[in-house]
Amino acid sequence: MRPILAIAALTLLAPVSAAQAPAAPAFRGLTLDAALAYARRENPDLALAASSLDSARAERSIAGAFPNPILTATPNTPYQYGATLDLDIGPQRTSRTRAAGLGVSAAGLDARDSERQVAVAVARAFYDALLADTLAFVMRERRAVLRQVLAADSARLRAGDIAVQGIYRSQGELARAEADEARAEVAARAALLALQSVIGLPDPDTTFAISGDLNFAPLAEDADSVLVALAMSRRPDLAATGERVAQSHAQGSYASALVVPIPQVSYVRQFTGPFESGRYFSFGVAIEAPVLNTYSGQQERATAGLRAAEAVRRRSVTRVRAEVIAAAADFRTERALVRRFEGGLVAMSDSAADGARYAYGRGAISLLEVLDAVRAQQDVRVDYFTALHDYWVSGFVLRAAVGADVLATSIR
């Protein structure tokens, strides 16, 4: 079960330090580490990436396979048997196998990049669910406070201190709080279902729960220039574009090597009579003459493929640089916002709400004032936990943008 924090009675609470922010409630269940581990096994995007890698390995095996011999039997006079074999050991084979090997390397980097993107998606969905759970807790807490206010008003009504109209407002606020709580619970369930979908859970599980909290912890990071340099050396998608440029070069070499024919050697055997040489066997050699087809189309296609690969590479460099700079700016903005809340905003709103409840219990302020204080407290808590969520998500995005482990303790 999720923990329910005790709600203070309508008495003056001990003051909270202005530098102290309340901890988010902790939930018990699936951790972020476990969610990522499950996604690595079951996420369909990673399964597709693995299939693409297997396909590239198969292409490498195809490119490296030697051609089968061609066996012939000629029913004639004399009856002949023959075998022909391509001597595929020249530049065509070298370029073809190199291109296929680079394709495997690029597919492996694509698989790593898919894992990077899935890790960010899982972390985001996990913290979305954690925030939804936390906000549902905040709504439950507000509903409990308003029930206490209504109970106090009911006691004052029975004592004749207020008229019956005096509790209508508190009843309306309680009904609104209960509706907000119900909507928050629905949102929390939807967020858990979304997380299950991201990690690849095949069937929705209504008992699914997560484990974590939204408490603040500082993350180390460097200047933009350092982060961009790290991304250029670590990002698997950027490395994949480099491998595909090299692969396009190899495919261009293969297209050029097509004009160098693969020689064929043949062996012919007959038993009913010898050849003119006096032997019952003979050898032959054949080569293709690239006269009618000079393979210019293949060379033009390879050149166009190289230009496209280089354009993708340049575009990827620009995109990665922009992603890192934008992610770093977003992270710093969210960190500054959280630190403002950590500096005492939440504690001050809590103290104001506690003081208003105490004063209302003593009849020193109106119901409207205490309800405004409770609502302001809720708004500050919602903004605070949302800022914590955005801070952690922006940290995950920044670490992924520079090619680091999403759950690393540092962005470096």
Protein backbone atom coordinates (compact mmCIF):
# COMPACT_ATOMS: atom_id res chain seq x y z
CA MET A 1 0.00 0.00 0.00
CA ARG A 2 1.08 3.56 -0.56
CA PRO A 3 1.92 5.37 2.66
CA ILE A 4 -0.55 7.96 3.90
CA LEU A 5 1.08 10.76 5.83
CA ALA A 6 -0.67 11.80 9.02
CA ILE A 7 -2.70 14.98 8.67
CA ALA A 8 -2.12 17.51 11.41
CA ALA A 9 -5.07 18.39 13.62
CA LEU A 10 -6.43 21.92 13.75
CA THR A 11 -3.75 23.03 16.16
CA LEU A 12 -0.63 25.07 15.71
CA LEU A 13 2.17 22.88 14.29
CA ALA A 14 5.84 23.26 15.02
CA PRO A 15 7.33 25.81 12.58
CA VAL A 16 9.20 24.44 9.58
CA SER A 17 12.61 25.81 8.67
CA ALA A 18 12.45 28.11 5.66
CA ALA A 19 15.31 26.18 4.03
CA GLN A 20 13.60 22.82 4.43
CA ALA A 21 11.32 21.36 1.75
CA PRO A 22 9.01 18.43 2.43
CA ALA A 23 9.96 15.03 1.08
CA ALA A 24 7.70 13.45 -1.51
CA PRO A 25 5.94 10.27 -0.42
CA ALA A 26 7.86 7.10 -1.30
CA PHE A 27 6.12 4.31 -3.20
CA ARG A 28 7.05 0.65 -3.16
CA GLY A 29 7.07 -1.63 -6.19
CA LEU A 30 9.03 -1.65 -9.45
CA THR A 31 12.18 0.48 -9.36
CA LEU A 32 13.50 2.46 -12.31
CA ASP A 33 16.46 0.08 -12.62
CA ALA A 34 14.10 -2.89 -12.79
CA ALA A 35 11.88 -1.10 -15.31
CA LEU A 36 14.87 -0.46 -17.58
CA ALA A 37 16.04 -4.07 -17.24
CA TYR A 38 12.57 -5.33 -18.18
CA ALA A 39 12.39 -2.96 -21.15
CA ARG A 40 15.73 -4.23 -22.46
CA ARG A 41 14.20 -7.71 -22.61
CA GLU A 42 10.64 -6.95 -23.72
CA ASN A 43 10.42 -3.54 -25.41
CA PRO A 44 9.28 -4.08 -29.04
CA ASP A 45 11.48 -1.27 -30.39
CA LEU A 46 14.56 -3.01 -28.99
CA ALA A 47 13.33 -6.31 -30.42
CA LEU A 48 13.10 -4.68 -33.85
CA ALA A 49 16.59 -3.23 -33.47
CA ALA A 50 17.91 -6.66 -32.53
CA SER A 51 16.22 -8.15 -35.60
CA SER A 52 17.84 -5.50 -37.81
CA LEU A 53 21.22 -6.39 -36.33
CA ASP A 54 20.61 -10.09 -36.98
CA SER A 55 19.64 -9.23 -40.56
CA ALA A 56 22.86 -7.24 -41.04
CA ARG A 57 24.87 -10.19 -39.73
CA ALA A 58 23.09 -12.43 -42.20
CA GLU A 59 23.98 -9.99 -45.00
CA ARG A 60 27.61 -10.19 -43.92
CA SER A 61 27.46 -14.00 -44.11
CA ILE A 62 25.91 -13.75 -47.57
CA ALA A 63 28.59 -11.32 -48.73
CA GLY A 64 31.36 -13.57 -47.44
CA ALA A 65 30.02 -16.82 -48.84
CA PHE A 66 31.90 -18.40 -51.73
CA PRO A 67 29.94 -19.25 -54.88
CA ASN A 68 28.90 -22.87 -55.37
CA PRO A 69 30.42 -24.83 -58.25
CA ILE A 70 28.24 -25.49 -61.28
CA LEU A 71 28.11 -29.15 -62.27
CA THR A 72 27.13 -30.15 -65.79
CA ALA A 73 26.44 -33.35 -67.68
CA THR A 74 26.29 -33.26 -71.48
CA PRO A 75 24.66 -36.29 -73.15
CA ASN A 76 26.52 -36.28 -76.41
CA THR A 77 29.11 -38.27 -78.25
CA PRO A 78 31.29 -38.47 -76.31
CA TYR A 79 29.38 -38.11 -73.00
CA GLN A 80 30.93 -35.27 -70.93
CA TYR A 81 30.89 -34.22 -67.30
CA GLY A 82 32.03 -30.77 -66.15
CA ALA A 83 32.40 -28.40 -63.23
CA THR A 84 32.74 -24.60 -63.27
CA LEU A 85 33.82 -22.47 -60.32
CA ASP A 86 34.03 -18.67 -59.90
CA LEU A 87 37.34 -17.60 -58.37
CA ASP A 88 35.77 -14.97 -56.12
CA ILE A 89 38.95 -13.87 -54.35
CA GLY A 90 39.55 -10.48 -55.92
CA PRO A 91 38.66 -6.85 -55.25
CA GLN A 92 34.91 -7.44 -55.61
CA ARG A 93 34.91 -9.80 -52.67
CA THR A 94 37.11 -7.51 -50.57
CA SER A 95 34.88 -4.46 -51.09
CA ARG A 96 31.65 -6.44 -50.73
CA THR A 97 32.60 -8.05 -47.44
CA ARG A 98 33.96 -4.77 -46.07
CA ALA A 99 30.68 -2.99 -46.87
CA ALA A 100 28.69 -5.78 -45.21
CA GLY A 101 30.91 -5.67 -42.12
CA LEU A 102 30.41 -1.91 -41.81
CA GLY A 103 26.67 -2.53 -42.13
CA VAL A 104 26.84 -4.83 -39.11
CA SER A 105 28.74 -2.18 -37.15
CA ALA A 106 26.18 0.48 -38.09
CA ALA A 107 23.27 -1.80 -37.16
CA GLY A 108 24.91 -2.51 -33.80
CA LEU A 109 25.22 1.22 -33.16
CA ASP A 110 21.58 1.66 -34.19
CA ALA A 111 20.63 -0.96 -31.60
CA ARG A 112 22.58 0.91 -28.95
CA ASP A 113 20.87 4.15 -29.94
CA SER A 114 17.47 2.47 -29.74
CA GLU A 115 18.37 1.39 -26.22
CA ARG A 116 19.38 4.97 -25.40
CA GLN A 117 16.06 6.32 -26.65
CA VAL A 118 14.03 3.61 -24.91
CA ALA A 119 15.89 4.30 -21.66
CA VAL A 120 14.86 7.96 -21.82
CA ALA A 121 11.27 6.98 -22.65
CA VAL A 122 11.16 4.55 -19.72
CA ALA A 123 12.65 7.09 -17.32
CA ARG A 124 10.18 9.73 -18.48
CA ALA A 125 7.20 7.36 -18.18
CA PHE A 126 8.44 6.17 -14.77
CA TYR A 127 8.67 9.73 -13.42
CA ASP A 128 5.34 10.61 -15.03
CA ALA A 129 3.81 7.76 -13.03
CA LEU A 130 5.68 8.82 -9.91
CA LEU A 131 4.46 12.40 -10.30
CA ALA A 132 0.88 11.24 -10.89
CA ASP A 133 1.04 9.12 -7.73
CA THR A 134 2.50 12.02 -5.78
CA LEU A 135 -0.15 14.46 -7.00
CA ALA A 136 -2.85 11.94 -6.08
CA PHE A 137 -1.32 11.86 -2.60
CA VAL A 138 -1.41 15.67 -2.45
CA MET A 139 -5.10 15.61 -3.40
CA ARG A 140 -5.83 13.02 -0.73
CA GLU A 141 -4.02 15.16 1.80
CA ARG A 142 -6.05 18.24 0.84
CA ARG A 143 -9.28 16.26 1.03
CA ALA A 144 -8.36 15.08 4.55
CA VAL A 145 -7.63 18.65 5.65
CA LEU A 146 -10.97 19.88 4.32
CA ARG A 147 -12.75 17.05 6.10
CA GLN A 148 -11.20 18.28 9.31
CA VAL A 149 -12.36 21.82 8.53
CA LEU A 150 -15.89 20.54 7.88
CA ALA A 151 -15.80 18.52 11.10
CA ALA A 152 -14.75 21.62 13.02
CA ASP A 153 -17.52 23.65 11.39
CA SER A 154 -20.06 20.96 12.24
CA ALA A 155 -18.95 21.09 15.88
CA ARG A 156 -19.26 24.88 15.88
CA LEU A 157 -22.71 24.60 14.30
CA ARG A 158 -23.87 22.23 17.04
CA ALA A 159 -22.47 24.64 19.63
CA GLY A 160 -24.42 27.47 18.03
CA ASP A 161 -21.30 29.45 17.10
CA ILE A 162 -22.18 29.62 13.37
CA ALA A 163 -25.31 29.46 11.26
CA VAL A 164 -26.11 26.50 9.04
CA GLN A 165 -25.11 28.53 6.00
CA GLY A 166 -21.60 28.65 7.41
CA ILE A 167 -20.82 25.06 6.51
CA TYR A 168 -22.07 25.22 2.91
CA ARG A 169 -18.78 26.62 1.66
CA SER A 170 -16.71 23.98 3.43
CA GLN A 171 -19.00 21.26 2.08
CA GLY A 172 -18.58 22.61 -1.45
CA GLU A 173 -14.79 22.77 -1.08
CA LEU A 174 -14.74 19.20 0.21
CA ALA A 175 -16.81 18.00 -2.76
CA ARG A 176 -14.41 19.78 -5.12
CA ALA A 177 -11.42 18.22 -3.35
CA GLU A 178 -12.96 14.75 -3.62
CA ALA A 179 -13.52 15.28 -7.35
CA ASP A 180 -9.91 16.44 -7.77
CA GLU A 181 -8.74 13.36 -5.87
CA ALA A 182 -10.79 11.06 -8.10
CA ARG A 183 -9.35 12.66 -11.25
CA ALA A 184 -5.83 12.40 -9.83
CA GLU A 185 -6.34 8.70 -9.11
CA VAL A 186 -7.50 8.13 -12.70
CA ALA A 187 -4.45 10.01 -13.98
CA ALA A 188 -2.19 7.90 -11.75
CA ARG A 189 -3.65 4.67 -13.12
CA ALA A 190 -3.29 5.95 -16.69
CA ALA A 191 0.36 6.85 -16.06
CA LEU A 192 1.05 3.35 -14.72
CA LEU A 193 -0.56 1.83 -17.81
CA ALA A 194 1.58 4.07 -20.02
CA LEU A 195 4.71 2.91 -18.20
CA GLN A 196 3.68 -0.72 -18.67
CA SER A 197 3.30 -0.09 -22.39
CA VAL A 198 6.75 1.54 -22.67
CA ILE A 199 8.60 -1.27 -20.91
CA GLY A 200 6.78 -3.85 -23.05
CA LEU A 201 4.46 -5.49 -20.55
CA PRO A 202 2.17 -7.60 -22.79
CA ASP A 203 -1.01 -7.35 -20.69
CA PRO A 204 -2.13 -4.47 -18.44
CA ASP A 205 -1.61 -5.29 -14.77
CA THR A 206 -3.95 -3.52 -12.34
CA THR A 207 -1.70 -4.47 -9.41
CA PHE A 208 1.34 -2.85 -11.04
CA ALA A 209 3.17 -0.46 -8.69
CA ILE A 210 6.41 1.51 -8.75
CA SER A 211 9.05 2.32 -6.18
CA GLY A 212 10.72 5.71 -5.92
CA ASP A 213 10.38 9.30 -4.82
CA LEU A 214 10.71 12.82 -6.21
CA ASN A 215 13.25 14.09 -3.73
CA PHE A 216 15.92 16.47 -4.97
CA ALA A 217 19.53 15.39 -5.50
CA PRO A 218 22.15 17.48 -7.33
CA LEU A 219 23.48 16.26 -10.68
CA ALA A 220 26.91 17.33 -11.88
CA GLU A 221 27.26 18.75 -15.37
CA ASP A 222 29.80 20.68 -17.45
CA ALA A 223 29.87 23.62 -19.83
CA ASP A 224 28.12 23.32 -23.18
CA SER A 225 31.38 22.94 -25.09
CA VAL A 226 32.41 19.98 -22.93
CA LEU A 227 28.99 18.35 -23.21
CA VAL A 228 28.97 18.75 -27.00
CA ALA A 229 32.44 17.23 -27.23
CA LEU A 230 31.30 14.28 -25.12
CA ALA A 231 28.26 13.79 -27.36
CA MET A 232 30.40 13.84 -30.51
CA SER A 233 32.55 11.04 -29.14
CA ARG A 234 29.82 8.97 -27.44
CA ARG A 235 26.54 9.21 -29.29
CA PRO A 236 25.86 5.86 -31.01
CA ASP A 237 23.56 7.39 -33.64
CA LEU A 238 26.32 9.79 -34.67
CA ALA A 239 28.84 6.94 -34.81
CA ALA A 240 26.38 4.97 -36.94
CA THR A 241 26.29 7.76 -39.53
CA GLY A 242 30.07 7.62 -39.69
CA GLU A 243 29.98 3.88 -40.26
CA ARG A 244 27.45 4.34 -43.05
CA VAL A 245 29.69 6.90 -44.77
CA ALA A 246 32.49 4.34 -44.65
CA GLN A 247 30.08 1.67 -45.89
CA SER A 248 29.11 3.90 -48.82
CA HIS A 249 32.80 4.29 -49.68
CA ALA A 250 33.14 0.50 -49.65
CA GLN A 251 30.07 0.12 -51.85
CA GLY A 252 31.61 2.62 -54.26
CA SER A 253 34.77 0.52 -54.35
CA TYR A 254 32.67 -2.56 -55.03
CA ALA A 255 30.87 -0.81 -57.90
CA SER A 256 34.22 0.17 -59.40
CA ALA A 257 35.53 -3.38 -58.97
CA LEU A 258 32.66 -4.80 -61.03
CA VAL A 259 34.58 -3.93 -64.20
CA VAL A 260 37.32 -6.30 -62.98
CA PRO A 261 35.75 -9.64 -63.90
CA ILE A 262 35.72 -12.66 -61.65
CA PRO A 263 37.52 -15.43 -63.54
CA GLN A 264 35.86 -18.80 -63.95
CA VAL A 265 37.76 -22.06 -64.16
CA SER A 266 36.17 -25.18 -65.61
CA TYR A 267 37.01 -28.86 -65.68
CA VAL A 268 35.60 -31.24 -68.31
CA ARG A 269 35.87 -35.03 -68.21
CA GLN A 270 34.86 -37.64 -70.80
CA PHE A 271 35.26 -41.39 -70.74
CA THR A 272 34.37 -42.62 -74.22
CA GLY A 273 37.38 -41.09 -75.92
CA PRO A 274 40.28 -38.71 -75.31
CA PHE A 275 40.51 -35.09 -76.34
CA GLU A 276 42.94 -34.10 -79.07
CA SER A 277 45.59 -33.75 -76.39
CA GLY A 278 45.27 -37.46 -75.72
CA ARG A 279 43.83 -36.88 -72.25
CA TYR A 280 40.33 -37.66 -71.07
CA PHE A 281 40.01 -34.31 -69.26
CA SER A 282 40.48 -30.66 -70.07
CA PHE A 283 40.66 -27.33 -68.19
CA GLY A 284 39.20 -23.98 -69.26
CA VAL A 285 39.18 -20.36 -68.15
CA ALA A 286 36.46 -17.76 -68.80
CA ILE A 287 36.01 -14.10 -67.89
CA GLU A 288 33.23 -11.62 -68.37
CA ALA A 289 33.89 -8.87 -70.90
CA PRO A 290 32.33 -5.63 -69.55
CA VAL A 291 31.62 -4.19 -72.97
CA LEU A 292 27.85 -3.97 -73.26
CA ASN A 293 27.40 -3.24 -69.56
CA THR A 294 30.15 -1.14 -68.03
CA TYR A 295 28.38 -0.97 -64.63
CA SER A 296 28.17 2.81 -64.79
CA GLY A 297 24.71 2.70 -63.22
CA GLN A 298 26.04 0.86 -60.17
CA GLN A 299 28.84 3.40 -59.84
CA GLU A 300 26.43 6.35 -60.11
CA ARG A 301 24.16 4.74 -57.51
CA ALA A 302 27.11 4.26 -55.15
CA THR A 303 28.18 7.88 -55.63
CA ALA A 304 24.66 9.11 -54.88
CA GLY A 305 24.52 6.86 -51.80
CA LEU A 306 27.82 8.32 -50.57
CA ARG A 307 26.54 11.87 -50.98
CA ALA A 308 23.36 10.96 -49.07
CA ALA A 309 25.35 9.31 -46.27
CA GLU A 310 27.60 12.35 -45.93
CA ALA A 311 24.56 14.66 -45.86
CA VAL A 312 22.97 12.54 -43.12
CA ARG A 313 26.24 12.67 -41.21
CA ARG A 314 26.41 16.49 -41.41
CA ARG A 315 22.76 16.82 -40.43
CA SER A 316 23.28 14.47 -37.48
CA VAL A 317 26.23 16.48 -36.22
CA THR A 318 24.14 19.65 -36.28
CA ARG A 319 21.17 17.91 -34.66
CA VAL A 320 23.24 16.36 -31.86
CA ARG A 321 24.90 19.67 -31.07
CA ALA A 322 21.52 21.40 -30.91
CA GLU A 323 20.02 18.61 -28.77
CA VAL A 324 22.84 18.84 -26.23
CA ILE A 325 22.71 22.63 -25.95
CA ALA A 326 18.90 22.64 -25.66
CA ALA A 327 18.91 19.80 -23.12
CA ALA A 328 21.57 21.55 -21.03
CA ALA A 329 19.60 24.81 -21.04
CA ASP A 330 16.40 23.01 -20.05
CA PHE A 331 18.20 21.13 -17.27
CA ARG A 332 19.67 24.31 -15.82
CA THR A 333 16.30 26.06 -15.94
CA GLU A 334 14.56 23.22 -14.13
CA ARG A 335 17.36 22.98 -11.56
CA ALA A 336 17.10 26.71 -10.81
CA LEU A 337 13.33 26.39 -10.37
CA VAL A 338 13.67 23.46 -7.97
CA ARG A 339 16.26 25.33 -5.95
CA ARG A 340 13.84 28.24 -5.57
CA PHE A 341 11.30 25.87 -4.08
CA GLU A 342 14.01 24.21 -2.00
CA GLY A 343 14.92 27.67 -0.69
CA GLY A 344 11.75 27.83 1.39
CA LEU A 345 8.72 28.48 -0.83
CA VAL A 346 7.08 25.17 0.09
CA ALA A 347 7.90 25.51 3.76
CA MET A 348 6.45 29.01 3.86
CA SER A 349 3.20 27.91 2.20
CA ASP A 350 2.94 25.05 4.70
CA SER A 351 3.47 27.42 7.61
CA ALA A 352 0.88 29.84 6.21
CA ALA A 353 -1.70 27.06 5.83
CA ASP A 354 -0.99 25.68 9.32
CA GLY A 355 -1.28 29.17 10.82
CA ALA A 356 -4.54 29.83 8.99
CA ARG A 357 -6.03 26.56 10.22
CA TYR A 358 -4.98 27.34 13.77
CA ALA A 359 -6.39 30.86 13.57
CA TYR A 360 -9.64 29.57 12.07
CA GLY A 361 -9.94 27.06 14.89
CA ARG A 362 -9.72 30.00 17.29
CA GLY A 363 -12.24 32.02 15.29
CA ALA A 364 -9.67 34.66 14.39
CA ILE A 365 -10.13 34.47 10.60
CA SER A 366 -12.92 33.63 8.19
CA LEU A 367 -13.57 30.34 6.42
CA LEU A 368 -12.71 31.94 3.09
CA GLU A 369 -9.24 32.85 4.35
CA VAL A 370 -8.44 29.36 5.57
CA LEU A 371 -9.71 27.79 2.34
CA ASP A 372 -7.57 30.17 0.32
CA ALA A 373 -4.53 29.22 2.41
CA VAL A 374 -5.19 25.48 1.93
CA ARG A 375 -5.65 25.96 -1.81
CA ALA A 376 -2.45 28.01 -2.05
CA GLN A 377 -0.59 25.28 -0.16
CA GLN A 378 -1.86 22.67 -2.60
CA ASP A 379 -0.89 24.78 -5.63
CA VAL A 380 2.65 25.29 -4.31
CA ARG A 381 3.06 21.57 -3.59
CA VAL A 382 1.77 20.63 -7.05
CA ASP A 383 4.18 23.10 -8.67
CA TYR A 384 7.04 21.88 -6.50
CA PHE A 385 6.59 18.19 -7.28
CA THR A 386 6.03 18.99 -10.95
CA ALA A 387 9.29 20.96 -10.95
CA LEU A 388 11.08 17.99 -9.34
CA HIS A 389 9.64 15.70 -12.03
CA ASP A 390 10.78 18.06 -14.78
CA TYR A 391 14.22 18.37 -13.18
CA TRP A 392 14.80 14.62 -13.13
CA VAL A 393 13.42 14.10 -16.63
CA SER A 394 15.59 16.91 -18.01
CA GLY A 395 18.58 15.29 -16.30
CA PHE A 396 17.82 11.96 -17.98
CA VAL A 397 17.41 13.69 -21.33
CA LEU A 398 20.71 15.55 -20.95
CA ARG A 399 22.63 12.42 -19.96
CA ALA A 400 21.18 10.57 -22.94
CA ALA A 401 21.96 13.55 -25.21
CA VAL A 402 25.67 13.32 -24.39
CA GLY A 403 25.65 9.54 -24.77
CA ALA A 404 26.03 8.72 -21.08
CA ASP A 405 24.14 6.07 -19.15
CA VAL A 406 20.70 7.44 -18.37
CA LEU A 407 21.02 6.36 -14.73
CA ALA A 408 24.60 7.55 -14.30
CA THR A 409 25.30 9.54 -11.16
CA SER A 410 26.87 12.28 -13.27
CA ILE A 411 26.05 13.87 -16.60
CA ARG A 412 29.73 13.77 -17.55
